[in-house]
Amino acid sequence: MAPTTLTDLAPELLIQILKSADSFADVTSLSSTSRKMFIIWKTNVDAICEAILPRNVDCFEQALEFLAAKEKVEGDKHAFFGHMTAVDRAEWMLRWADTAAKALVYFEENVIQNAHNEHLFRMTASDRVDFLRAYHRTATLATLAKGPLPCELLSSWDMLAFRQMMVVMRWLMAYAPPSERLEFGMEYDPNLVTHHTRRAGVPGENWPLIWGKVNALQHDIRFLHCQPDDYSKRFAPFCSLLVYNFIPKSTNSKRGARLSDLLPLIRELGIHCNKTYELSNP
């Protein structure tokens, strides 16, 4: 006999229905429709959370990298990061996604406020996605770069991704007003020239030191690989207003060399800029 209600379906099908929900709010609504649905949700919560989360966090892969960095660095010091359940991870990543979304709003407002031509500098949908990726990457690098710069992380980027990360880091340090830094979980003391973490968010210790490291790395890469006439192409950011010179967005398609090809050359030639940074082991 064919099932007449949703709960008459086999448990395997009900699990797939919950996994295919668009949001956790939808899962909550579905699980409250019957005791059977509630039990299926509770007994399969890990798999369901893992299926839904990527659809609710923009640039999920980069956000997940940040969480992995937090767990690696803080897992031994903070029980939360050392023993996260699937629900914990989902809640943390949703909060982080909200923080990144607020940062995007503030960044775009800064772009428009400082533009001589508002229409010329208005961010596209692609720009916004690139910003979120770069924001997650900035947080990941800042978490891992308290010692040597993490070679494995950097090697997964190309030159455009690296430059976009530098745009976001520079903005966080130099352009975001204090009220916005607080939204990102950061405090700023101009006398100390350093950021401090207030709550969960972008880690903030020694931002100027981290900036110095990546800026020195950029100079070494430029010396190693880039000719003056292709500098703008290889380092073209997704939004150029808050950086150095205006670069047409048409150059964004030229992503440049991969750092996995360039970092070994820097090691071989020993051209570290002023010895201000070192690379971790590959």
Protein backbone atom coordinates (compact mmCIF):
# COMPACT_ATOMS: atom_id res chain seq x y z
CA MET A 1 0.00 0.00 0.00
CA ALA A 2 1.36 3.41 -0.99
CA PRO A 3 2.26 5.79 1.87
CA THR A 4 -0.40 8.39 2.59
CA THR A 5 1.64 10.76 4.77
CA LEU A 6 5.22 11.92 4.93
CA THR A 7 5.99 9.86 8.01
CA ASP A 8 4.82 6.70 6.24
CA LEU A 9 7.95 6.87 4.11
CA ALA A 10 10.94 4.70 4.90
CA PRO A 11 13.43 6.21 7.38
CA GLU A 12 16.12 6.34 4.68
CA LEU A 13 13.90 8.58 2.54
CA LEU A 14 13.07 10.83 5.50
CA ILE A 15 16.78 11.26 6.20
CA GLN A 16 17.33 12.32 2.58
CA ILE A 17 14.44 14.78 2.84
CA LEU A 18 15.99 16.37 5.92
CA LYS A 19 19.41 16.46 4.24
CA SER A 20 17.92 18.26 1.23
CA ALA A 21 16.38 21.05 3.33
CA ASP A 22 17.44 24.54 2.32
CA SER A 23 18.12 25.72 5.86
CA PHE A 24 18.29 24.60 9.48
CA ALA A 25 15.03 26.46 10.09
CA ASP A 26 13.37 24.14 7.57
CA VAL A 27 14.84 21.11 9.35
CA THR A 28 13.52 22.37 12.67
CA SER A 29 10.06 22.79 11.18
CA LEU A 30 10.09 19.35 9.59
CA SER A 31 11.38 17.62 12.72
CA SER A 32 8.59 19.13 14.78
CA THR A 33 5.85 17.65 12.61
CA SER A 34 5.93 14.24 14.33
CA ARG A 35 7.76 12.20 16.89
CA LYS A 36 9.16 9.97 14.14
CA MET A 37 10.66 12.92 12.28
CA PHE A 38 12.13 14.28 15.53
CA ILE A 39 13.80 10.96 16.33
CA ILE A 40 15.23 10.69 12.81
CA TRP A 41 16.63 14.22 13.11
CA LYS A 42 18.21 13.55 16.49
CA THR A 43 19.70 10.19 15.54
CA ASN A 44 21.15 11.48 12.24
CA VAL A 45 22.02 15.02 13.26
CA ASP A 46 25.69 14.84 12.24
CA ALA A 47 25.02 13.69 8.68
CA ILE A 48 22.14 16.14 8.25
CA CYS A 49 24.16 19.10 9.52
CA GLU A 50 27.06 18.24 7.22
CA ALA A 51 24.69 18.08 4.24
CA ILE A 52 22.92 21.38 4.92
CA LEU A 53 25.79 23.56 6.13
CA PRO A 54 27.55 24.10 2.76
CA ARG A 55 24.33 25.55 1.35
CA ASN A 56 24.10 28.09 4.15
CA VAL A 57 27.68 29.38 4.34
CA ASP A 58 28.98 31.38 1.39
CA CYS A 59 32.45 30.28 0.26
CA PHE A 60 32.09 27.24 2.49
CA GLU A 61 35.45 25.70 1.58
CA GLN A 62 37.39 28.77 2.74
CA ALA A 63 35.24 29.15 5.87
CA LEU A 64 35.94 25.50 6.70
CA GLU A 65 39.67 26.15 6.33
CA PHE A 66 39.38 28.90 8.93
CA LEU A 67 37.60 26.59 11.36
CA ALA A 68 40.27 23.93 10.80
CA ALA A 69 42.95 26.53 11.57
CA LYS A 70 41.16 27.50 14.79
CA GLU A 71 40.93 23.86 15.83
CA LYS A 72 44.61 23.29 15.03
CA VAL A 73 45.87 26.33 16.95
CA GLU A 74 43.34 26.52 19.79
CA GLY A 75 42.18 22.92 20.18
CA ASP A 76 44.59 22.22 23.03
CA LYS A 77 43.81 25.49 24.82
CA HIS A 78 40.04 25.72 24.37
CA ALA A 79 37.85 22.70 25.00
CA PHE A 80 35.21 24.01 22.60
CA PHE A 81 37.50 23.81 19.57
CA GLY A 82 38.96 20.53 20.71
CA HIS A 83 35.62 18.73 21.10
CA MET A 84 33.13 20.24 18.67
CA THR A 85 30.04 18.25 17.76
CA ALA A 86 28.44 18.59 14.33
CA VAL A 87 25.86 20.96 15.82
CA ASP A 88 28.62 23.02 17.47
CA ARG A 89 30.43 23.28 14.15
CA ALA A 90 27.27 24.30 12.34
CA GLU A 91 26.43 26.98 14.91
CA TRP A 92 29.99 28.32 14.89
CA MET A 93 30.19 28.47 11.10
CA LEU A 94 26.81 30.16 10.79
CA ARG A 95 27.93 32.84 13.26
CA TRP A 96 31.17 33.25 11.37
CA ALA A 97 29.29 33.54 8.07
CA ASP A 98 27.21 36.31 9.61
CA THR A 99 30.40 38.11 10.70
CA ALA A 100 31.81 37.84 7.17
CA ALA A 101 28.55 39.10 5.67
CA LYS A 102 28.65 42.18 7.93
CA ALA A 103 32.26 42.79 6.92
CA LEU A 104 31.23 42.73 3.27
CA VAL A 105 28.54 45.36 3.90
CA TYR A 106 31.02 47.63 5.68
CA PHE A 107 33.67 47.13 3.02
CA GLU A 108 31.30 47.99 0.20
CA GLU A 109 30.11 51.07 2.07
CA ASN A 110 33.74 52.17 2.38
CA VAL A 111 34.29 51.60 -1.33
CA ILE A 112 31.32 53.77 -2.27
CA GLN A 113 32.08 56.47 0.30
CA ASN A 114 35.66 56.86 -0.93
CA ALA A 115 34.97 56.56 -4.64
CA HIS A 116 35.20 59.54 -6.96
CA ASN A 117 32.78 57.74 -9.25
CA GLU A 118 30.29 55.57 -7.35
CA HIS A 119 29.20 53.59 -10.43
CA LEU A 120 32.78 52.85 -11.46
CA PHE A 121 33.63 51.27 -8.12
CA ARG A 122 30.37 49.53 -7.30
CA MET A 123 31.12 45.90 -6.48
CA THR A 124 29.67 43.15 -8.66
CA ALA A 125 28.27 39.83 -7.46
CA SER A 126 31.59 38.24 -8.39
CA ASP A 127 33.46 40.91 -6.38
CA ARG A 128 31.38 40.10 -3.31
CA VAL A 129 32.11 36.39 -3.56
CA ASP A 130 35.80 37.15 -3.98
CA PHE A 131 35.71 39.40 -0.91
CA LEU A 132 34.17 36.67 1.25
CA ARG A 133 36.77 34.15 0.10
CA ALA A 134 39.53 36.65 0.86
CA TYR A 135 38.01 37.49 4.24
CA HIS A 136 38.01 33.82 5.28
CA ARG A 137 41.57 33.43 3.98
CA THR A 138 42.73 36.50 5.89
CA ALA A 139 41.34 35.02 9.11
CA THR A 140 42.97 31.67 8.38
CA LEU A 141 46.36 33.20 7.65
CA ALA A 142 46.20 35.43 10.73
CA THR A 143 45.45 32.35 12.84
CA LEU A 144 48.33 30.29 11.46
CA ALA A 145 50.97 32.98 10.88
CA LYS A 146 52.02 33.60 14.48
CA GLY A 147 55.18 31.66 13.64
CA PRO A 148 56.47 31.00 10.13
CA LEU A 149 54.09 31.78 7.26
CA PRO A 150 52.10 28.58 6.58
CA CYS A 151 53.52 27.23 3.34
CA GLU A 152 50.80 24.64 2.85
CA LEU A 153 48.03 27.25 3.02
CA LEU A 154 49.80 29.74 0.76
CA SER A 155 50.60 27.03 -1.77
CA SER A 156 46.88 26.47 -2.31
CA TRP A 157 46.48 30.06 -3.61
CA ASP A 158 47.31 31.78 -6.86
CA MET A 159 48.60 35.34 -7.06
CA LEU A 160 45.16 36.89 -7.36
CA ALA A 161 43.93 35.09 -4.23
CA PHE A 162 47.04 36.25 -2.37
CA ARG A 163 46.55 39.85 -3.48
CA GLN A 164 42.86 39.81 -2.55
CA MET A 165 43.76 38.56 0.91
CA MET A 166 46.17 41.48 1.27
CA VAL A 167 43.43 43.93 0.25
CA VAL A 168 41.18 42.64 3.05
CA MET A 169 43.96 42.62 5.63
CA ARG A 170 44.99 46.16 4.71
CA TRP A 171 41.38 47.31 4.95
CA LEU A 172 40.89 45.72 8.36
CA MET A 173 44.01 47.41 9.66
CA ALA A 174 43.82 50.82 8.03
CA TYR A 175 40.32 51.60 6.80
CA ALA A 176 37.67 49.87 8.88
CA PRO A 177 36.37 52.35 11.52
CA PRO A 178 36.71 51.26 15.18
CA SER A 179 32.98 50.52 15.45
CA GLU A 180 33.29 48.07 12.56
CA ARG A 181 36.37 46.42 14.03
CA LEU A 182 34.29 45.66 17.11
CA GLU A 183 31.75 43.92 14.88
CA PHE A 184 34.56 41.70 13.60
CA GLY A 185 35.60 40.78 17.13
CA MET A 186 38.54 43.18 17.11
CA GLU A 187 39.60 46.19 19.18
CA TYR A 188 42.06 48.79 18.00
CA ASP A 189 44.42 50.81 20.15
CA PRO A 190 46.29 53.36 18.01
CA ASN A 191 48.89 53.77 20.76
CA LEU A 192 49.80 50.10 20.59
CA VAL A 193 49.24 49.79 16.84
CA THR A 194 47.82 46.35 17.38
CA HIS A 195 44.45 44.62 17.30
CA HIS A 196 43.11 42.48 20.11
CA THR A 197 40.45 39.82 20.01
CA ARG A 198 37.26 40.73 21.87
CA ARG A 199 35.25 37.64 21.07
CA ALA A 200 35.09 34.88 18.44
CA GLY A 201 36.08 36.37 15.11
CA VAL A 202 39.17 37.27 13.15
CA PRO A 203 42.14 36.70 15.46
CA GLY A 204 43.79 40.00 16.18
CA GLU A 205 47.17 39.71 17.87
CA ASN A 206 50.03 41.49 16.13
CA TRP A 207 48.26 42.40 12.91
CA PRO A 208 51.07 44.81 11.92
CA LEU A 209 53.59 41.98 12.34
CA ILE A 210 51.53 39.62 10.16
CA TRP A 211 51.06 42.38 7.60
CA GLY A 212 54.81 42.95 7.55
CA LYS A 213 55.40 39.27 6.82
CA VAL A 214 53.00 39.00 3.90
CA ASN A 215 54.07 42.36 2.50
CA ALA A 216 57.70 41.21 2.54
CA LEU A 217 56.63 37.98 0.84
CA GLN A 218 54.87 39.99 -1.85
CA HIS A 219 58.05 41.98 -2.54
CA ASP A 220 60.08 38.78 -2.80
CA ILE A 221 57.59 37.27 -5.25
CA ARG A 222 57.61 40.43 -7.33
CA PHE A 223 61.40 40.43 -7.42
CA LEU A 224 61.47 36.75 -8.29
CA HIS A 225 58.80 36.44 -10.91
CA CYS A 226 57.10 39.61 -12.08
CA GLN A 227 58.29 42.12 -14.62
CA PRO A 228 57.20 45.77 -14.11
CA ASP A 229 54.80 45.67 -17.04
CA ASP A 230 52.86 42.66 -15.73
CA TYR A 231 52.78 43.61 -12.02
CA SER A 232 49.24 44.96 -12.19
CA LYS A 233 48.02 41.85 -13.99
CA ARG A 234 49.51 39.40 -11.51
CA PHE A 235 48.44 41.35 -8.44
CA ALA A 236 45.10 42.69 -9.72
CA PRO A 237 42.70 42.77 -6.75
CA PHE A 238 38.95 42.31 -6.99
CA CYS A 239 38.45 45.87 -5.75
CA SER A 240 41.25 48.34 -6.28
CA LEU A 241 39.94 51.47 -4.63
CA LEU A 242 41.40 50.85 -1.21
CA VAL A 243 44.75 49.70 -2.49
CA TYR A 244 47.29 51.48 -4.66
CA ASN A 245 46.33 52.37 -8.22
CA PHE A 246 43.15 51.74 -10.13
CA ILE A 247 43.35 48.51 -12.12
CA PRO A 248 40.60 47.72 -14.68
CA LYS A 249 38.46 44.81 -13.59
CA SER A 250 39.03 43.15 -16.97
CA THR A 251 42.46 42.10 -15.68
CA ASN A 252 40.87 39.98 -12.95
CA SER A 253 40.72 37.02 -15.32
CA LYS A 254 44.54 36.90 -15.19
CA ARG A 255 45.00 35.08 -11.92
CA GLY A 256 48.78 34.88 -12.19
CA ALA A 257 51.15 32.14 -11.10
CA ARG A 258 50.40 29.71 -8.32
CA LEU A 259 52.29 30.20 -5.09
CA SER A 260 53.03 26.47 -5.06
CA ASP A 261 55.38 27.18 -7.99
CA LEU A 262 56.89 30.37 -6.55
CA LEU A 263 57.53 29.54 -2.88
CA PRO A 264 60.10 26.79 -3.62
CA LEU A 265 62.03 29.27 -5.79
CA ILE A 266 62.10 31.76 -2.93
CA ARG A 267 63.57 29.06 -0.69
CA GLU A 268 66.18 28.09 -3.26
CA LEU A 269 67.35 31.61 -4.01
CA GLY A 270 67.21 32.81 -0.41
CA ILE A 271 65.84 36.23 -1.31
CA HIS A 272 63.83 36.77 1.87
CA CYS A 273 63.06 40.47 2.10
CA ASN A 274 64.97 41.92 5.08
CA LYS A 275 64.69 38.49 6.74
CA THR A 276 61.31 39.61 8.12
CA TYR A 277 59.58 36.28 7.62
CA GLU A 278 60.19 32.60 7.16
CA LEU A 279 58.14 29.90 5.48
CA SER A 280 57.06 26.81 7.33
CA ASN A 281 58.08 23.41 6.02
CA PRO A 282 56.07 22.34 2.94
